[in-house]
PDB file of N, CA and C in Angstrom:
ATOM      1  N   UNK A   1      22.509  41.743  61.501  1.00  0.00           N
ATOM      2  CA  UNK A   1      24.018  41.102  61.410  1.00  0.00           C
ATOM      3  C   UNK A   1      23.879  40.155  60.312  1.00  0.00           C
ATOM      4  N   UNK A   2      23.418  39.673  59.377  1.00  0.00           N
ATOM      5  CA  UNK A   2      23.641  39.059  58.589  1.00  0.00           C
ATOM      6  C   UNK A   2      24.017  39.837  57.041  1.00  0.00           C
ATOM      7  N   UNK A   3      24.315  41.252  57.077  1.00  0.00           N
ATOM      8  CA  UNK A   3      24.492  42.116  56.151  1.00  0.00           C
ATOM      9  C   UNK A   3      26.007  42.630  56.543  1.00  0.00           C
ATOM     10  N   UNK A   4      26.151  42.450  57.787  1.00  0.00           N
ATOM     11  CA  UNK A   4      27.529  42.713  58.504  1.00  0.00           C
ATOM     12  C   UNK A   4      28.238  41.538  58.916  1.00  0.00           C
ATOM     13  N   UNK A   5      27.647  40.168  58.283  1.00  0.00           N
ATOM     14  CA  UNK A   5      28.594  38.968  58.690  1.00  0.00           C
ATOM     15  C   UNK A   5      29.907  38.815  58.168  1.00  0.00           C
ATOM     16  N   UNK A   6      30.173  39.473  56.793  1.00  0.00           N
ATOM     17  CA  UNK A   6      31.368  38.890  55.950  1.00  0.00           C
ATOM     18  C   UNK A   6      32.207  40.092  56.325  1.00  0.00           C
ATOM     19  N   UNK A   7      31.799  41.248  57.252  1.00  0.00           N
ATOM     20  CA  UNK A   7      33.283  42.241  57.410  1.00  0.00           C
ATOM     21  C   UNK A   7      33.758  41.369  58.864  1.00  0.00           C
ATOM     22  N   UNK A   8      33.423  40.235  59.049  1.00  0.00           N
ATOM     23  CA  UNK A   8      33.906  39.811  60.299  1.00  0.00           C
ATOM     24  C   UNK A   8      34.169  38.399  60.116  1.00  0.00           C
ATOM     25  N   UNK A   9      34.078  37.980  58.663  1.00  0.00           N
ATOM     26  CA  UNK A   9      34.672  36.998  58.233  1.00  0.00           C
ATOM     27  C   UNK A   9      33.519  34.984  58.416  1.00  0.00           C
ATOM     28  N   UNK A  10      32.675  36.184  58.299  1.00  0.00           N
ATOM     29  CA  UNK A  10      31.409  35.046  58.583  1.00  0.00           C
ATOM     30  C   UNK A  10      30.500  34.935  57.428  1.00  0.00           C
ATOM     31  N   UNK A  11      30.235  34.227  57.100  1.00  0.00           N
ATOM     32  CA  UNK A  11      28.736  33.920  55.873  1.00  0.00           C
ATOM     33  C   UNK A  11      27.942  34.385  56.552  1.00  0.00           C
ATOM     34  N   UNK A  12      26.874  34.580  55.486  1.00  0.00           N
ATOM     35  CA  UNK A  12      25.388  35.343  56.091  1.00  0.00           C
ATOM     36  C   UNK A  12      24.170  34.177  56.563  1.00  0.00           C
ATOM     37  N   UNK A  13      24.853  32.816  56.567  1.00  0.00           N
ATOM     38  CA  UNK A  13      23.947  31.821  57.056  1.00  0.00           C
ATOM     39  C   UNK A  13      24.021  31.336  58.244  1.00  0.00           C
ATOM     40  N   UNK A  14      24.769  31.933  58.872  1.00  0.00           N
ATOM     41  CA  UNK A  14      25.209  31.327  60.451  1.00  0.00           C
ATOM     42  C   UNK A  14      23.535  31.065  61.221  1.00  0.00           C
ATOM     43  N   UNK A  15      23.564  30.471  62.441  1.00  0.00           N
ATOM     44  CA  UNK A  15      22.690  30.278  63.083  1.00  0.00           C
ATOM     45  C   UNK A  15      23.226  30.717  64.476  1.00  0.00           C
ATOM     46  N   UNK A  16      21.642  31.649  65.230  1.00  0.00           N
ATOM     47  CA  UNK A  16      21.975  32.203  66.438  1.00  0.00           C
ATOM     48  C   UNK A  16      21.494  31.093  67.445  1.00  0.00           C
ATOM     49  N   UNK A  17      22.475  30.758  68.446  1.00  0.00           N
ATOM     50  CA  UNK A  17      21.607  29.558  69.332  1.00  0.00           C
ATOM     51  C   UNK A  17      21.007  30.694  70.590  1.00  0.00           C
ATOM     52  N   UNK A  18      20.015  30.214  71.390  1.00  0.00           N
ATOM     53  CA  UNK A  18      19.753  31.031  72.028  1.00  0.00           C
ATOM     54  C   UNK A  18      19.666  29.546  73.333  1.00  0.00           C
ATOM     55  N   UNK A  19      19.769  30.010  74.588  1.00  0.00           N
ATOM     56  CA  UNK A  19      20.453  29.183  75.850  1.00  0.00           C
ATOM     57  C   UNK A  19      19.502  27.859  75.669  1.00  0.00           C
ATOM     58  N   UNK A  20      18.198  27.612  74.822  1.00  0.00           N
ATOM     59  CA  UNK A  20      18.028  26.641  75.458  1.00  0.00           C
ATOM     60  C   UNK A  20      18.509  25.667  74.168  1.00  0.00           C
ATOM     61  N   UNK A  21      18.857  26.328  72.804  1.00  0.00           N
ATOM     62  CA  UNK A  21      19.668  25.396  71.936  1.00  0.00           C
ATOM     63  C   UNK A  21      20.597  25.354  72.587  1.00  0.00           C
ATOM     64  N   UNK A  22      21.194  25.531  73.023  1.00  0.00           N
ATOM     65  CA  UNK A  22      22.967  25.335  73.718  1.00  0.00           C
ATOM     66  C   UNK A  22      22.642  24.350  74.463  1.00  0.00           C
ATOM     67  N   UNK A  23      21.480  24.516  75.602  1.00  0.00           N
ATOM     68  CA  UNK A  23      21.993  23.539  76.515  1.00  0.00           C
ATOM     69  C   UNK A  23      21.330  22.150  75.606  1.00  0.00           C
ATOM     70  N   UNK A  24      20.879  22.304  74.790  1.00  0.00           N
ATOM     71  CA  UNK A  24      20.422  21.474  73.727  1.00  0.00           C
ATOM     72  C   UNK A  24      21.176  20.351  73.184  1.00  0.00           C
ATOM     73  N   UNK A  25      22.203  21.197  72.480  1.00  0.00           N
ATOM     74  CA  UNK A  25      23.675  20.701  71.755  1.00  0.00           C
ATOM     75  C   UNK A  25      24.534  20.388  72.855  1.00  0.00           C
ATOM     76  N   UNK A  26      24.460  20.557  74.364  1.00  0.00           N
ATOM     77  CA  UNK A  26      25.658  20.281  74.610  1.00  0.00           C
ATOM     78  C   UNK A  26      25.036  18.822  75.492  1.00  0.00           C
ATOM     79  N   UNK A  27      23.872  18.645  75.645  1.00  0.00           N
ATOM     80  CA  UNK A  27      22.980  17.375  75.746  1.00  0.00           C
ATOM     81  C   UNK A  27      23.434  16.273  74.964  1.00  0.00           C
ATOM     82  N   UNK A  28      23.317  16.756  73.551  1.00  0.00           N
ATOM     83  CA  UNK A  28      23.207  15.652  72.591  1.00  0.00           C
ATOM     84  C   UNK A  28      25.384  15.299  72.462  1.00  0.00           C
ATOM     85  N   UNK A  29      26.091  16.398  72.556  1.00  0.00           N
ATOM     86  CA  UNK A  29      27.466  16.040  72.691  1.00  0.00           C
ATOM     87  C   UNK A  29      27.682  15.187  74.195  1.00  0.00           C
ATOM     88  N   UNK A  30      27.034  15.050  75.011  1.00  0.00           N
ATOM     89  CA  UNK A  30      27.482  14.535  76.447  1.00  0.00           C
ATOM     90  C   UNK A  30      27.435  12.748  76.264  1.00  0.00           C
ATOM     91  N   UNK A  31      25.575  13.204  75.543  1.00  0.00           N
ATOM     92  CA  UNK A  31      25.304  11.718  74.812  1.00  0.00           C
ATOM     93  C   UNK A  31      26.075  10.987  73.906  1.00  0.00           C
ATOM     94  N   UNK A  32      26.305  11.718  72.930  1.00  0.00           N
ATOM     95  CA  UNK A  32      27.266  11.000  71.846  1.00  0.00           C
ATOM     96  C   UNK A  32      28.732  10.794  72.461  1.00  0.00           C
ATOM     97  N   UNK A  33      29.163  11.237  73.133  1.00  0.00           N
ATOM     98  CA  UNK A  33      30.783  11.001  74.056  1.00  0.00           C
ATOM     99  C   UNK A  33      30.697   9.738  74.951  1.00  0.00           C
ATOM    100  N   UNK A  34      29.554   9.402  75.407  1.00  0.00           N
ATOM    101  CA  UNK A  34      28.951   8.318  76.538  1.00  0.00           C
ATOM    102  C   UNK A  34      29.508   8.656  77.854  1.00  0.00           C
ATOM    103  N   UNK A  35      29.079  10.269  78.415  1.00  0.00           N
ATOM    104  CA  UNK A  35      29.286  10.487  79.419  1.00  0.00           C
ATOM    105  C   UNK A  35      27.737  10.595  79.963  1.00  0.00           C
ATOM    106  N   UNK A  36      27.846  10.793  81.218  1.00  0.00           N
ATOM    107  CA  UNK A  36      27.298  10.593  82.425  1.00  0.00           C
ATOM    108  C   UNK A  36      26.514  11.948  82.445  1.00  0.00           C
ATOM    109  N   UNK A  37      25.304  12.127  82.097  1.00  0.00           N
ATOM    110  CA  UNK A  37      24.624  13.615  82.316  1.00  0.00           C
ATOM    111  C   UNK A  37      24.477  13.981  83.720  1.00  0.00           C
ATOM    112  N   UNK A  38      24.837  13.067  84.506  1.00  0.00           N
ATOM    113  CA  UNK A  38      24.187  13.846  85.767  1.00  0.00           C
ATOM    114  C   UNK A  38      26.401  14.445  85.964  1.00  0.00           C
ATOM    115  N   UNK A  39      26.712  13.853  85.667  1.00  0.00           N
ATOM    116  CA  UNK A  39      28.146  14.542  85.956  1.00  0.00           C
ATOM    117  C   UNK A  39      28.641  15.448  84.503  1.00  0.00           C
ATOM    118  N   UNK A  40      27.696  15.725  84.093  1.00  0.00           N
ATOM    119  CA  UNK A  40      28.240  16.522  83.566  1.00  0.00           C
ATOM    120  C   UNK A  40      26.988  17.190  82.873  1.00  0.00           C
ATOM    121  N   UNK A  41      26.100  18.216  83.659  1.00  0.00           N
ATOM    122  CA  UNK A  41      24.835  18.915  83.572  1.00  0.00           C
ATOM    123  C   UNK A  41      25.194  20.554  82.124  1.00  0.00           C
ATOM    124  N   UNK A  42      24.262  20.274  81.279  1.00  0.00           N
ATOM    125  CA  UNK A  42      25.044  21.346  80.334  1.00  0.00           C
ATOM    126  C   UNK A  42      24.525  22.981  81.259  1.00  0.00           C
ATOM    127  N   UNK A  43      24.304  23.254  82.371  1.00  0.00           N
ATOM    128  CA  UNK A  43      24.701  24.556  82.685  1.00  0.00           C
ATOM    129  C   UNK A  43      25.948  24.357  83.234  1.00  0.00           C
ATOM    130  N   UNK A  44      26.675  24.002  84.008  1.00  0.00           N
ATOM    131  CA  UNK A  44      27.467  23.829  84.521  1.00  0.00           C
ATOM    132  C   UNK A  44      28.757  23.882  82.754  1.00  0.00           C
ATOM    133  N   UNK A  45      28.361  23.064  82.278  1.00  0.00           N
ATOM    134  CA  UNK A  45      29.382  22.504  81.309  1.00  0.00           C
ATOM    135  C   UNK A  45      29.393  24.114  80.365  1.00  0.00           C
ATOM    136  N   UNK A  46      28.244  24.588  80.103  1.00  0.00           N
ATOM    137  CA  UNK A  46      28.171  25.879  79.133  1.00  0.00           C
ATOM    138  C   UNK A  46      28.829  27.170  80.275  1.00  0.00           C
ATOM    139  N   UNK A  47      28.437  27.003  81.577  1.00  0.00           N
ATOM    140  CA  UNK A  47      29.320  27.781  82.169  1.00  0.00           C
ATOM    141  C   UNK A  47      31.125  27.888  81.872  1.00  0.00           C
ATOM    142  N   UNK A  48      31.603  26.805  82.140  1.00  0.00           N
ATOM    143  CA  UNK A  48      32.738  26.796  81.686  1.00  0.00           C
ATOM    144  C   UNK A  48      33.490  27.237  80.404  1.00  0.00           C
ATOM    145  N   UNK A  49      32.466  26.635  79.140  1.00  0.00           N
ATOM    146  CA  UNK A  49      32.673  26.913  77.888  1.00  0.00           C
ATOM    147  C   UNK A  49      32.948  28.362  77.488  1.00  0.00           C
ATOM    148  N   UNK A  50      31.533  29.203  78.289  1.00  0.00           N
ATOM    149  CA  UNK A  50      31.388  30.695  78.418  1.00  0.00           C
ATOM    150  C   UNK A  50      32.441  31.955  78.898  1.00  0.00           C
ATOM    151  N   UNK A  51      32.885  31.144  80.265  1.00  0.00           N
ATOM    152  CA  UNK A  51      34.569  31.439  80.421  1.00  0.00           C
ATOM    153  C   UNK A  51      35.123  31.625  79.854  1.00  0.00           C
ATOM    154  N   UNK A  52      35.363  29.932  78.996  1.00  0.00           N
ATOM    155  CA  UNK A  52      36.841  30.193  78.327  1.00  0.00           C
ATOM    156  C   UNK A  52      36.757  30.769  77.321  1.00  0.00           C
ATOM    157  N   UNK A  53      35.469  31.137  76.525  1.00  0.00           N
ATOM    158  CA  UNK A  53      34.945  32.095  75.690  1.00  0.00           C
ATOM    159  C   UNK A  53      35.356  33.847  76.022  1.00  0.00           C
ATOM    160  N   UNK A  54      34.779  34.026  77.383  1.00  0.00           N
ATOM    161  CA  UNK A  54      34.869  35.486  77.545  1.00  0.00           C
ATOM    162  C   UNK A  54      36.591  35.601  77.523  1.00  0.00           C
ATOM    163  N   UNK A  55      37.018  34.710  78.020  1.00  0.00           N
ATOM    164  CA  UNK A  55      38.527  34.954  78.244  1.00  0.00           C
ATOM    165  C   UNK A  55      39.390  34.687  76.990  1.00  0.00           C
ATOM    166  N   UNK A  56      38.979  34.097  75.581  1.00  0.00           N
ATOM    167  CA  UNK A  56      39.395  34.025  74.305  1.00  0.00           C
ATOM    168  C   UNK A  56      40.111  32.704  74.571  1.00  0.00           C
ATOM    169  N   UNK A  57      39.943  31.575  75.077  1.00  0.00           N
ATOM    170  CA  UNK A  57      40.883  30.852  75.069  1.00  0.00           C
ATOM    171  C   UNK A  57      39.922  29.608  74.306  1.00  0.00           C
ATOM    172  N   UNK A  58      40.339  29.708  72.924  1.00  0.00           N
ATOM    173  CA  UNK A  58      39.654  28.572  71.988  1.00  0.00           C
ATOM    174  C   UNK A  58      40.208  27.102  72.664  1.00  0.00           C
ATOM    175  N   UNK A  59      38.908  26.414  72.124  1.00  0.00           N
ATOM    176  CA  UNK A  59      39.073  25.076  72.494  1.00  0.00           C
ATOM    177  C   UNK A  59      40.298  23.932  72.330  1.00  0.00           C
ATOM    178  N   UNK A  60      41.152  24.694  71.316  1.00  0.00           N
ATOM    179  CA  UNK A  60      42.810  23.437  71.408  1.00  0.00           C
ATOM    180  C   UNK A  60      43.133  23.884  72.277  1.00  0.00           C
ATOM    181  N   UNK A  61      43.139  25.287  72.822  1.00  0.00           N
ATOM    182  CA  UNK A  61      44.007  25.242  73.346  1.00  0.00           C
ATOM    183  C   UNK A  61      43.570  25.268  75.216  1.00  0.00           C
ATOM    184  N   UNK A  62      42.103  25.892  75.485  1.00  0.00           N
ATOM    185  CA  UNK A  62      41.684  24.670  76.736  1.00  0.00           C
ATOM    186  C   UNK A  62      42.054  23.347  76.665  1.00  0.00           C
ATOM    187  N   UNK A  63      42.175  22.929  76.001  1.00  0.00           N
ATOM    188  CA  UNK A  63      42.098  21.322  76.340  1.00  0.00           C
ATOM    189  C   UNK A  63      43.771  20.740  76.484  1.00  0.00           C
ATOM    190  N   UNK A  64      44.548  21.825  75.829  1.00  0.00           N
ATOM    191  CA  UNK A  64      46.221  21.656  76.132  1.00  0.00           C
ATOM    192  C   UNK A  64      46.381  22.654  77.743  1.00  0.00           C
ATOM    193  N   UNK A  65      45.856  22.596  78.362  1.00  0.00           N
ATOM    194  CA  UNK A  65      45.756  23.741  79.706  1.00  0.00           C
ATOM    195  C   UNK A  65      45.609  22.688  80.718  1.00  0.00           C
ATOM    196  N   UNK A  66      47.094  22.358  81.513  1.00  0.00           N
ATOM    197  CA  UNK A  66      46.841  21.134  82.612  1.00  0.00           C
ATOM    198  C   UNK A  66      46.122  21.746  83.756  1.00  0.00           C
ATOM    199  N   UNK A  67      46.380  23.255  84.073  1.00  0.00           N
ATOM    200  CA  UNK A  67      45.362  24.677  85.274  1.00  0.00           C
ATOM    201  C   UNK A  67      43.753  23.845  84.532  1.00  0.00           C
ATOM    202  N   UNK A  68      43.403  24.270  83.857  1.00  0.00           N
ATOM    203  CA  UNK A  68      41.833  24.596  83.398  1.00  0.00           C
ATOM    204  C   UNK A  68      41.399  22.814  83.400  1.00  0.00           C
ATOM    205  N   UNK A  69      42.180  21.375  82.726  1.00  0.00           N
ATOM    206  CA  UNK A  69      41.393  20.531  82.755  1.00  0.00           C
ATOM    207  C   UNK A  69      41.411  19.806  84.434  1.00  0.00           C
ATOM    208  N   UNK A  70      42.925  20.338  85.064  1.00  0.00           N
ATOM    209  CA  UNK A  70      42.471  19.884  86.363  1.00  0.00           C
ATOM    210  C   UNK A  70      41.350  20.563  86.862  1.00  0.00           C
ATOM    211  N   UNK A  71      41.142  21.320  86.919  1.00  0.00           N
ATOM    212  CA  UNK A  71      39.968  22.216  87.465  1.00  0.00           C
ATOM    213  C   UNK A  71      38.499  21.486  87.187  1.00  0.00           C
ATOM    214  N   UNK A  72      38.689  21.214  85.787  1.00  0.00           N
ATOM    215  CA  UNK A  72      37.690  20.191  85.508  1.00  0.00           C
ATOM    216  C   UNK A  72      37.767  18.716  86.024  1.00  0.00           C
ATOM    217  N   UNK A  73      38.847  18.300  85.791  1.00  0.00           N
ATOM    218  CA  UNK A  73      38.829  16.718  86.215  1.00  0.00           C
ATOM    219  C   UNK A  73      37.615  15.841  85.075  1.00  0.00           C
ATOM    220  N   UNK A  74      37.887  16.329  84.533  1.00  0.00           N
ATOM    221  CA  UNK A  74      36.467  15.928  83.246  1.00  0.00           C
ATOM    222  C   UNK A  74      36.899  15.812  82.000  1.00  0.00           C
ATOM    223  N   UNK A  75      36.169  15.789  80.952  1.00  0.00           N
ATOM    224  CA  UNK A  75      35.924  15.465  79.593  1.00  0.00           C
ATOM    225  C   UNK A  75      35.628  16.512  79.236  1.00  0.00           C
ATOM    226  N   UNK A  76      35.388  18.013  79.877  1.00  0.00           N
ATOM    227  CA  UNK A  76      34.479  18.963  79.268  1.00  0.00           C
ATOM    228  C   UNK A  76      35.578  19.545  78.472  1.00  0.00           C
ATOM    229  N   UNK A  77      36.295  19.446  78.221  1.00  0.00           N
ATOM    230  CA  UNK A  77      37.469  20.059  77.418  1.00  0.00           C
ATOM    231  C   UNK A  77      36.871  19.739  75.535  1.00  0.00           C
ATOM    232  N   UNK A  78      36.185  18.257  75.490  1.00  0.00           N
ATOM    233  CA  UNK A  78      35.836  17.264  74.274  1.00  0.00           C
ATOM    234  C   UNK A  78      35.113  17.798  74.287  1.00  0.00           C
ATOM    235  N   UNK A  79      34.386  18.216  74.919  1.00  0.00           N
ATOM    236  CA  UNK A  79      32.915  18.639  74.978  1.00  0.00           C
ATOM    237  C   UNK A  79      32.876  20.357  74.376  1.00  0.00           C
ATOM    238  N   UNK A  80      33.671  21.228  74.862  1.00  0.00           N
ATOM    239  CA  UNK A  80      34.050  22.353  74.369  1.00  0.00           C
ATOM    240  C   UNK A  80      34.434  22.241  72.759  1.00  0.00           C
ATOM    241  N   UNK A  81      35.763  21.505  72.684  1.00  0.00           N
ATOM    242  CA  UNK A  81      35.540  21.297  71.108  1.00  0.00           C
ATOM    243  C   UNK A  81      34.566  21.026  70.376  1.00  0.00           C
ATOM    244  N   UNK A  82      33.855  20.077  70.794  1.00  0.00           N
ATOM    245  CA  UNK A  82      32.544  19.811  69.986  1.00  0.00           C
ATOM    246  C   UNK A  82      31.631  20.377  69.643  1.00  0.00           C
ATOM    247  N   UNK A  83      31.689  21.207  70.708  1.00  0.00           N
ATOM    248  CA  UNK A  83      30.602  22.215  70.939  1.00  0.00           C
ATOM    249  C   UNK A  83      30.908  23.068  69.679  1.00  0.00           C
ATOM    250  N   UNK A  84      31.994  23.870  70.035  1.00  0.00           N
ATOM    251  CA  UNK A  84      32.485  25.171  69.160  1.00  0.00           C
ATOM    252  C   UNK A  84      32.742  24.351  67.882  1.00  0.00           C
ATOM    253  N   UNK A  85      32.751  23.366  67.267  1.00  0.00           N
ATOM    254  CA  UNK A  85      32.878  23.277  65.451  1.00  0.00           C
ATOM    255  C   UNK A  85      31.326  23.085  64.983  1.00  0.00           C
ATOM    256  N   UNK A  86      30.506  22.316  65.935  1.00  0.00           N
ATOM    257  CA  UNK A  86      28.867  22.480  65.723  1.00  0.00           C
ATOM    258  C   UNK A  86      28.010  23.593  65.679  1.00  0.00           C
ATOM    259  N   UNK A  87      28.640  24.634  66.454  1.00  0.00           N
ATOM    260  CA  UNK A  87      27.907  25.893  66.782  1.00  0.00           C
ATOM    261  C   UNK A  87      28.226  26.821  65.129  1.00  0.00           C
TER     262      UNK A  87
END
């Protein structure tokens, strides 16, 4: 993957996150944003992020989509933006 990274505009020094790494990152972001971890469980947040990524919805577009925001009724858009910046 590192050898081919330049073909998709990535550097070869990227990091691959497994599920535990992703959950840890979500938990850190939730804590940093002073959100209640019981209201923002890592699995639920990751599910929403995964769904958005599968539908090719970038963080900024997600944050400006009233339907998605209403479904979340939360701060998950801010978590998504921060998550993608830290990945």
